[in-house]
Amino acid sequence: MSDFVITPPAIAAVPVAGGGRFPVRRIFCIGRNYAEHAREMGHDPEREPPFFFCKPADTIVTGGANTPYPPGTNDLHHEIEFVAAIGKAGADIAVADAPAHVWGYAAGIDLTRRDLQAEAKKLARPWDMSKGFDHSAPIGELVPASRIGHPAKGTIEIKVNGESRQRSDLADMIWPVADAIAYLSTLVALAPGDLIFTGTPAGVAAVQRGDLLEGRIEGVGTVSTRIV
């Protein structure tokens, strides 16, 4: 018999290509990791070290399910991202050792309440409610690194209703995945089940109810959701 005083919440998990599910412990996201996106947000990509924010594990949307338009915003934006899933624990990880800590990769979307984020920035407040709201992290199937290796280049793109909105290459990341993992692991100890959304290219824009979002990362996979 369980000694929990309430029923424990369900474990958030991402489907794995070929079968099985990857349990999600924490979600870390890198801000402004593509130079052109940094510039479109009004920042100098040459001067910034990586910075991170978090989403709760249960914000993931899987299996191509619909995503409800969130309350409290009139400016919901899409951000296509390359996602790394941690399968081996570590702290103070060397860049050369970082790939060994990655279990697999996926395509994901970091949905953002941009008006709330802008207000938080203006008032020097946390971004939590602009980034970590319910259903804010649609994600496609995870593909094991043992199958595809550790992609360092390849097209990353999102289409909205069939129209390309963001299109770039993984090689354009300011902080490649291994570097990002190494840096993050100096701040927190990484553990199996952690997901790292590695930043988005230029071209972020608003979406509306009814819009179909279709993202893809060359050699990795796809992610799709409809805003309802």
Protein backbone atom coordinates (compact mmCIF):
# COMPACT_ATOMS: atom_id res chain seq x y z
CA MET A 1 0.00 0.00 0.00
CA SER A 2 1.29 3.45 -0.92
CA ASP A 3 2.04 5.95 1.85
CA PHE A 4 1.36 8.93 -0.44
CA VAL A 5 -1.38 11.17 0.93
CA ILE A 6 -2.69 11.89 -2.57
CA THR A 7 -2.58 9.88 -5.79
CA PRO A 8 0.86 10.47 -7.37
CA PRO A 9 0.75 12.34 -10.69
CA ALA A 10 1.31 10.41 -13.90
CA ILE A 11 4.84 10.28 -15.26
CA ALA A 12 5.27 12.47 -18.33
CA ALA A 13 6.84 10.50 -21.18
CA VAL A 14 7.82 10.92 -24.83
CA PRO A 15 7.15 8.10 -27.33
CA VAL A 16 10.27 6.52 -28.80
CA ALA A 17 10.54 5.66 -32.49
CA GLY A 18 10.30 1.87 -32.73
CA GLY A 19 8.49 1.48 -29.42
CA GLY A 20 8.71 2.35 -25.76
CA ARG A 21 8.50 5.63 -23.87
CA PHE A 22 11.14 7.96 -22.44
CA PRO A 23 10.19 9.29 -18.98
CA VAL A 24 10.66 13.04 -18.57
CA ARG A 25 12.26 14.39 -15.39
CA ARG A 26 12.98 18.04 -16.21
CA ILE A 27 12.91 20.28 -19.29
CA PHE A 28 15.69 22.83 -19.79
CA CYS A 29 15.54 25.34 -22.65
CA ILE A 30 18.35 27.47 -24.08
CA GLY A 31 17.56 31.07 -24.93
CA ARG A 32 18.81 32.79 -28.09
CA ASN A 33 21.08 30.02 -29.39
CA TYR A 34 20.94 31.02 -33.09
CA ALA A 35 22.59 34.29 -34.11
CA GLU A 36 19.80 35.55 -36.37
CA HIS A 37 17.15 34.84 -33.73
CA ALA A 38 19.23 36.65 -31.11
CA ARG A 39 19.38 39.66 -33.42
CA GLU A 40 15.64 39.59 -34.15
CA MET A 41 15.06 39.68 -30.37
CA GLY A 42 17.37 42.70 -30.08
CA HIS A 43 20.54 41.07 -28.70
CA ASP A 44 24.17 40.67 -29.76
CA PRO A 45 24.93 36.96 -30.25
CA GLU A 46 28.66 37.54 -30.07
CA ARG A 47 28.61 38.63 -26.44
CA GLU A 48 26.24 36.28 -24.63
CA PRO A 49 27.06 33.03 -22.87
CA PRO A 50 24.20 30.51 -22.94
CA PHE A 51 21.33 31.02 -20.52
CA PHE A 52 18.56 28.63 -19.56
CA PHE A 53 14.96 28.54 -18.44
CA CYS A 54 12.73 25.59 -17.57
CA LYS A 55 9.36 24.10 -18.39
CA PRO A 56 7.56 21.57 -16.19
CA ALA A 57 7.80 17.99 -17.41
CA ASP A 58 4.05 17.71 -17.93
CA THR A 59 3.93 20.54 -20.47
CA ILE A 60 4.82 18.12 -23.27
CA VAL A 61 2.29 17.39 -26.02
CA THR A 62 2.95 14.10 -27.81
CA GLY A 63 1.59 11.97 -30.62
CA GLY A 64 0.53 14.92 -32.78
CA ALA A 65 -2.24 15.81 -30.31
CA ASN A 66 -3.95 19.18 -30.46
CA THR A 67 -2.61 22.06 -28.36
CA PRO A 68 -5.13 24.34 -26.66
CA TYR A 69 -4.56 28.07 -27.18
CA PRO A 70 -3.47 29.17 -23.70
CA PRO A 71 -5.26 31.76 -21.57
CA GLY A 72 -3.71 35.10 -20.65
CA THR A 73 -2.24 35.90 -24.06
CA ASN A 74 -3.05 37.41 -27.43
CA ASP A 75 0.38 36.71 -28.91
CA LEU A 76 1.29 33.00 -28.91
CA HIS A 77 4.50 32.25 -30.87
CA HIS A 78 6.03 29.08 -32.31
CA GLU A 79 9.72 28.21 -31.83
CA ILE A 80 11.03 25.04 -33.53
CA GLU A 81 13.84 23.35 -31.56
CA PHE A 82 16.29 20.44 -31.65
CA VAL A 83 15.79 18.44 -28.44
CA ALA A 84 18.40 16.29 -26.70
CA ALA A 85 17.30 13.64 -24.19
CA ILE A 86 19.74 12.84 -21.39
CA GLY A 87 20.26 9.17 -20.60
CA LYS A 88 23.34 9.28 -18.35
CA ALA A 89 23.79 11.38 -15.23
CA GLY A 90 26.64 13.84 -14.86
CA ALA A 91 27.93 17.15 -13.54
CA ASP A 92 30.82 19.26 -14.80
CA ILE A 93 30.75 17.25 -18.02
CA ALA A 94 33.56 17.88 -20.51
CA VAL A 95 32.49 18.91 -24.02
CA ALA A 96 34.19 15.82 -25.47
CA ASP A 97 32.25 13.57 -23.08
CA ALA A 98 28.84 15.23 -23.52
CA PRO A 99 27.56 13.09 -26.44
CA ALA A 100 27.90 9.96 -24.28
CA HIS A 101 25.27 11.44 -21.94
CA VAL A 102 22.66 11.81 -24.71
CA TRP A 103 20.14 8.99 -25.11
CA GLY A 104 18.42 10.40 -28.18
CA TYR A 105 17.05 13.35 -30.11
CA ALA A 106 13.70 14.75 -31.23
CA ALA A 107 12.05 17.75 -32.86
CA GLY A 108 10.17 19.98 -30.45
CA ILE A 109 8.28 23.27 -30.32
CA ASP A 110 8.76 25.82 -27.56
CA LEU A 111 5.46 27.72 -27.48
CA THR A 112 5.77 31.19 -25.97
CA ARG A 113 3.26 33.73 -24.69
CA ARG A 114 5.28 36.56 -26.24
CA ASP A 115 3.27 39.41 -24.74
CA LEU A 116 3.75 37.99 -21.25
CA GLN A 117 7.45 37.49 -21.93
CA ALA A 118 7.83 41.08 -23.14
CA GLU A 119 6.11 42.38 -20.01
CA ALA A 120 8.30 40.20 -17.78
CA LYS A 121 11.43 41.49 -19.50
CA LYS A 122 10.31 45.10 -19.10
CA LEU A 123 9.69 44.61 -15.39
CA ALA A 124 12.77 42.39 -14.83
CA ARG A 125 10.54 39.52 -13.73
CA PRO A 126 10.89 35.74 -14.33
CA TRP A 127 9.73 34.23 -17.62
CA ASP A 128 7.92 31.28 -16.04
CA MET A 129 4.38 32.15 -17.07
CA SER A 130 5.43 33.04 -20.62
CA LYS A 131 7.27 29.75 -21.18
CA GLY A 132 6.16 27.09 -18.69
CA PHE A 133 2.40 27.09 -19.18
CA ASP A 134 0.25 24.00 -19.83
CA HIS A 135 0.80 22.28 -23.21
CA SER A 136 3.74 24.57 -24.09
CA ALA A 137 6.15 21.86 -25.29
CA PRO A 138 4.89 19.77 -28.23
CA ILE A 139 7.47 17.12 -29.12
CA GLY A 140 7.87 14.40 -31.72
CA GLU A 141 9.15 10.88 -31.25
CA LEU A 142 12.57 10.44 -29.72
CA VAL A 143 15.11 8.68 -31.90
CA PRO A 144 17.97 6.87 -30.13
CA ALA A 145 21.43 8.31 -30.69
CA SER A 146 22.57 4.73 -31.21
CA ARG A 147 20.59 4.83 -34.45
CA ILE A 148 21.34 8.30 -35.82
CA GLY A 149 24.51 9.38 -34.03
CA HIS A 150 24.81 12.98 -32.86
CA PRO A 151 23.64 15.34 -35.64
CA ALA A 152 25.64 18.57 -35.88
CA LYS A 153 24.11 19.81 -39.13
CA GLY A 154 20.89 19.46 -41.05
CA THR A 155 17.80 21.51 -41.83
CA ILE A 156 15.57 22.64 -38.98
CA GLU A 157 12.23 24.02 -40.14
CA ILE A 158 8.66 24.70 -39.11
CA LYS A 159 5.68 25.27 -41.37
CA VAL A 160 2.38 26.84 -40.34
CA ASN A 161 -0.54 25.77 -42.53
CA GLY A 162 2.00 24.57 -45.10
CA GLU A 163 3.96 27.85 -45.22
CA SER A 164 7.58 27.81 -44.08
CA ARG A 165 8.08 30.17 -41.13
CA GLN A 166 11.46 29.19 -39.67
CA ARG A 167 14.22 27.45 -41.62
CA SER A 168 17.88 27.15 -40.68
CA ASP A 169 20.57 24.55 -40.05
CA LEU A 170 21.71 22.89 -36.84
CA ALA A 171 25.24 24.00 -37.75
CA ASP A 172 24.12 27.60 -37.10
CA MET A 173 23.73 27.07 -33.36
CA ILE A 174 25.94 29.42 -31.34
CA TRP A 175 26.39 26.74 -28.67
CA PRO A 176 26.29 23.23 -30.23
CA VAL A 177 24.59 20.51 -28.22
CA ALA A 178 27.77 19.16 -26.60
CA ASP A 179 28.88 22.65 -25.55
CA ALA A 180 25.43 23.44 -24.17
CA ILE A 181 25.31 20.22 -22.15
CA ALA A 182 28.79 20.86 -20.77
CA TYR A 183 27.90 24.42 -19.74
CA LEU A 184 24.52 23.45 -18.23
CA SER A 185 26.15 20.65 -16.24
CA THR A 186 28.28 23.23 -14.43
CA LEU A 187 25.07 24.78 -13.10
CA VAL A 188 22.98 21.67 -12.31
CA ALA A 189 23.64 17.95 -12.19
CA LEU A 190 21.99 16.38 -15.23
CA ALA A 191 20.11 13.10 -14.84
CA PRO A 192 18.38 10.50 -17.00
CA GLY A 193 15.03 11.83 -18.12
CA ASP A 194 16.15 15.43 -18.61
CA LEU A 195 15.26 17.08 -21.92
CA ILE A 196 17.20 20.01 -23.35
CA PHE A 197 15.47 22.22 -25.93
CA THR A 198 18.48 23.76 -27.68
CA GLY A 199 17.12 27.04 -28.99
CA THR A 200 15.28 28.29 -32.05
CA PRO A 201 16.27 29.95 -35.36
CA ALA A 202 15.00 33.30 -36.62
CA GLY A 203 11.45 33.65 -37.88
CA VAL A 204 9.36 33.21 -34.73
CA ALA A 205 5.82 34.47 -35.27
CA ALA A 206 2.31 34.36 -33.91
CA VAL A 207 -0.12 31.47 -34.37
CA GLN A 208 -3.89 31.40 -34.14
CA ARG A 209 -6.56 28.86 -33.28
CA GLY A 210 -6.89 26.40 -36.15
CA ASP A 211 -3.27 26.71 -37.29
CA LEU A 212 -1.40 23.48 -38.07
CA LEU A 213 2.24 23.50 -36.98
CA GLU A 214 4.56 21.01 -38.69
CA GLY A 215 8.21 20.93 -37.71
CA ARG A 216 11.04 18.77 -38.98
CA ILE A 217 14.72 18.26 -38.31
CA GLU A 218 16.69 16.58 -41.05
CA GLY A 219 17.88 13.12 -40.05
CA VAL A 220 15.99 13.26 -36.74
CA GLY A 221 12.23 13.46 -37.12
CA THR A 222 9.11 15.58 -37.09
CA VAL A 223 6.67 17.22 -34.69
CA SER A 224 3.15 18.39 -35.41
CA THR A 225 0.24 19.90 -33.52
CA ARG A 226 -2.83 21.98 -34.26
CA ILE A 227 -3.66 24.99 -32.13
CA VAL A 228 -7.30 24.73 -30.99
